[in-house]
C-alpha atoms as a PDB file:
ATOM      1  CA  MET A   1      51.772 -38.612  11.247  1.00  0.00           C
ATOM      2  CA  LYS A   2      51.449 -38.725   7.477  1.00  0.00           C
ATOM      3  CA  LYS A   3      53.133 -36.004   5.505  1.00  0.00           C
ATOM      4  CA  GLY A   4      51.266 -33.904   2.945  1.00  0.00           C
ATOM      5  CA  ILE A   5      47.718 -34.469   4.273  1.00  0.00           C
ATOM      6  CA  HIS A   6      47.453 -31.406   6.489  1.00  0.00           C
ATOM      7  CA  PRO A   7      46.165 -28.092   5.048  1.00  0.00           C
ATOM      8  CA  LYS A   8      48.467 -25.122   4.708  1.00  0.00           C
ATOM      9  CA  ILE A   9      48.109 -22.536   7.482  1.00  0.00           C
ATOM     10  CA  PHE A  10      48.334 -18.845   6.588  1.00  0.00           C
ATOM     11  CA  ALA A  11      49.722 -16.932   9.574  1.00  0.00           C
ATOM     12  CA  ASP A  12      48.849 -13.588   7.958  1.00  0.00           C
ATOM     13  CA  ALA A  13      45.254 -14.492   7.005  1.00  0.00           C
ATOM     14  CA  VAL A  14      42.783 -11.583   7.176  1.00  0.00           C
ATOM     15  CA  THR A  15      39.243 -11.910   8.538  1.00  0.00           C
ATOM     16  CA  THR A  16      36.914  -9.004   7.689  1.00  0.00           C
ATOM     17  CA  CYS A  17      33.621  -8.213   9.458  1.00  0.00           C
ATOM     18  CA  VAL A  18      30.882  -7.307   6.963  1.00  0.00           C
ATOM     19  CA  SER A  19      28.855  -5.327   9.530  1.00  0.00           C
ATOM     20  CA  CYS A  20      31.468  -2.982  10.937  1.00  0.00           C
ATOM     21  CA  SER A  21      34.358  -3.449   8.440  1.00  0.00           C
ATOM     22  CA  ALA A  22      36.790  -4.411  11.206  1.00  0.00           C
ATOM     23  CA  LYS A  23      39.784  -6.455  10.077  1.00  0.00           C
ATOM     24  CA  TYR A  24      41.482  -9.113  12.177  1.00  0.00           C
ATOM     25  CA  GLN A  25      44.668 -11.029  11.497  1.00  0.00           C
ATOM     26  CA  ILE A  26      43.896 -14.596  12.576  1.00  0.00           C
ATOM     27  CA  PRO A  27      45.820 -17.702  11.423  1.00  0.00           C
ATOM     28  CA  SER A  28      43.600 -19.761   9.132  1.00  0.00           C
ATOM     29  CA  THR A  29      43.628 -22.232   6.237  1.00  0.00           C
ATOM     30  CA  VAL A  30      42.055 -19.547   4.026  1.00  0.00           C
ATOM     31  CA  LYS A  31      43.984 -16.403   3.022  1.00  0.00           C
ATOM     32  CA  GLU A  32      40.940 -14.057   3.231  1.00  0.00           C
ATOM     33  CA  GLN A  33      37.535 -14.624   4.788  1.00  0.00           C
ATOM     34  CA  GLN A  34      34.461 -12.598   5.771  1.00  0.00           C
ATOM     35  CA  VAL A  35      32.149 -12.903   8.774  1.00  0.00           C
ATOM     36  CA  GLU A  36      28.725 -11.301   9.276  1.00  0.00           C
ATOM     37  CA  THR A  37      29.337 -10.072  12.826  1.00  0.00           C
ATOM     38  CA  CYS A  38      32.351  -9.965  15.091  1.00  0.00           C
ATOM     39  CA  SER A  39      32.949  -9.390  18.792  1.00  0.00           C
ATOM     40  CA  ASN A  40      33.269  -5.668  18.042  1.00  0.00           C
ATOM     41  CA  CYS A  41      29.690  -5.297  16.738  1.00  0.00           C
ATOM     42  CA  HIS A  42      27.733  -8.334  18.014  1.00  0.00           C
ATOM     43  CA  PRO A  43      24.802  -7.346  20.322  1.00  0.00           C
ATOM     44  CA  ILE A  44      25.784  -9.869  23.001  1.00  0.00           C
ATOM     45  CA  TYR A  45      29.217  -8.294  23.387  1.00  0.00           C
ATOM     46  CA  THR A  46      28.189  -4.653  22.914  1.00  0.00           C
ATOM     47  CA  GLY A  47      24.969  -4.761  24.954  1.00  0.00           C
ATOM     48  CA  GLU A  48      22.988  -2.802  22.363  1.00  0.00           C
ATOM     49  CA  TYR A  49      20.426  -4.112  19.916  1.00  0.00           C
ATOM     50  CA  ARG A  50      20.495  -3.098  16.295  1.00  0.00           C
ATOM     51  CA  GLY A  51      17.479  -4.058  14.245  1.00  0.00           C
ATOM     52  CA  LEU A  52      18.113  -6.292  11.299  1.00  0.00           C
ATOM     53  CA  MET A  53      18.365  -4.600   7.930  1.00  0.00           C
ATOM     54  CA  VAL A  54      16.287  -7.248   6.196  1.00  0.00           C
ATOM     55  CA  SER A  55      13.165  -8.875   7.494  1.00  0.00           C
ATOM     56  CA  GLY A  56      13.465 -12.405   8.750  1.00  0.00           C
ATOM     57  CA  ARG A  57      11.327 -15.447   8.141  1.00  0.00           C
ATOM     58  CA  VAL A  58       8.947 -14.653  10.978  1.00  0.00           C
ATOM     59  CA  ASP A  59       8.286 -11.136   9.651  1.00  0.00           C
ATOM     60  CA  ARG A  60       7.662 -12.459   6.149  1.00  0.00           C
ATOM     61  CA  PHE A  61       5.304 -15.114   7.545  1.00  0.00           C
ATOM     62  CA  ARG A  62       3.357 -12.488   9.477  1.00  0.00           C
ATOM     63  CA  LYS A  63       3.015 -10.316   6.351  1.00  0.00           C
ATOM     64  CA  VAL A  64       1.728 -13.253   4.314  1.00  0.00           C
ATOM     65  CA  ALA A  65      -0.668 -14.275   7.098  1.00  0.00           C
ATOM     66  CA  GLU A  66      -2.031 -10.711   7.341  1.00  0.00           C
ATOM     67  CA  LYS A  67      -2.584 -10.504   3.586  1.00  0.00           C
ATOM     68  CA  SER A  68      -4.308 -13.881   3.648  1.00  0.00           C
ATOM     69  CA  LYS A  69      -6.589 -12.732   6.473  1.00  0.00           C
ATOM     70  CA  GLN A  70      -7.515  -9.554   4.553  1.00  0.00           C
ATOM     71  CA  LYS A  71      -8.211 -11.570   1.398  1.00  0.00           C
ATOM     72  CA  MET A  72     -10.473 -13.968   3.333  1.00  0.00           C
ATOM     73  CA  GLU A  73     -12.431 -10.997   4.743  1.00  0.00           C
ATOM     74  CA  GLU A  74     -12.870  -9.571   1.228  1.00  0.00           C
ATOM     75  CA  VAL A  75     -14.105 -12.934  -0.050  1.00  0.00           C
ATOM     76  CA  LYS A  76     -16.547 -13.191   2.870  1.00  0.00           C
ATOM     77  CA  VAL A  77     -18.005  -9.737   2.046  1.00  0.00           C
ATOM     78  CA  ILE A  78     -18.411 -10.679  -1.626  1.00  0.00           C
ATOM     79  CA  GLU A  79     -20.163 -13.943  -0.695  1.00  0.00           C
ATOM     80  CA  GLU A  80     -22.548 -12.096   1.638  1.00  0.00           C
ATOM     81  CA  LYS A  81     -23.435  -9.658  -1.154  1.00  0.00           C
ATOM     82  CA  ARG A  82     -24.134 -12.555  -3.504  1.00  0.00           C
ATOM     83  CA  LYS A  83     -26.395 -14.232  -0.944  1.00  0.00           C
ATOM     84  CA  ALA A  84     -28.319 -11.002  -0.331  1.00  0.00           C
ATOM     85  CA  LYS A  85     -28.953 -10.422  -4.031  1.00  0.00           C
ATOM     86  CA  PRO A  86     -32.109 -12.189  -5.291  1.00  0.00           C
ATOM     87  CA  VAL A  87     -31.464 -14.810  -7.909  1.00  0.00           C
ATOM     88  CA  ALA A  88     -33.174 -14.025 -11.200  1.00  0.00           C
ATOM     89  CA  LYS A  89     -35.033 -16.982 -12.684  1.00  0.00           C
ATOM     90  CA  LYS A  90     -34.314 -17.863 -16.249  1.00  0.00           C
ATOM     91  CA  LYS A  91     -37.199 -17.599 -18.669  1.00  0.00           C
ATOM     92  CA  GLU A  92     -38.173 -20.868 -20.212  1.00  0.00           C
ATOM     93  CA  LYS A  93     -38.442 -21.020 -23.968  1.00  0.00           C
ATOM     94  CA  LYS A  94     -41.677 -22.187 -25.468  1.00  0.00           C
ATOM     95  CA  ALA A  95     -41.480 -25.580 -27.038  1.00  0.00           C
ATOM     96  CA  LYS A  96     -42.652 -25.621 -30.661  1.00  0.00           C
END
């Protein structure tokens, strides 16, 4: 094997969970790292579901779709009012 091409391994590297603030000492090539969920707080391992703090893509899509649907209904009402209103004819000017 070639010398000097392998990364340095930190035996005392610390991995921190952002969700539950648990700290683990796992050998790694990075001295400190963060993970979103760990085995201590992940729903698959704990068996309980915690709702996400921020809305996901699907929720945002549904909000946008709902607003679009409401806007289309408002436009439809406005168009119906315009159709129901009689159109006033313009008066023609007398030619001199």
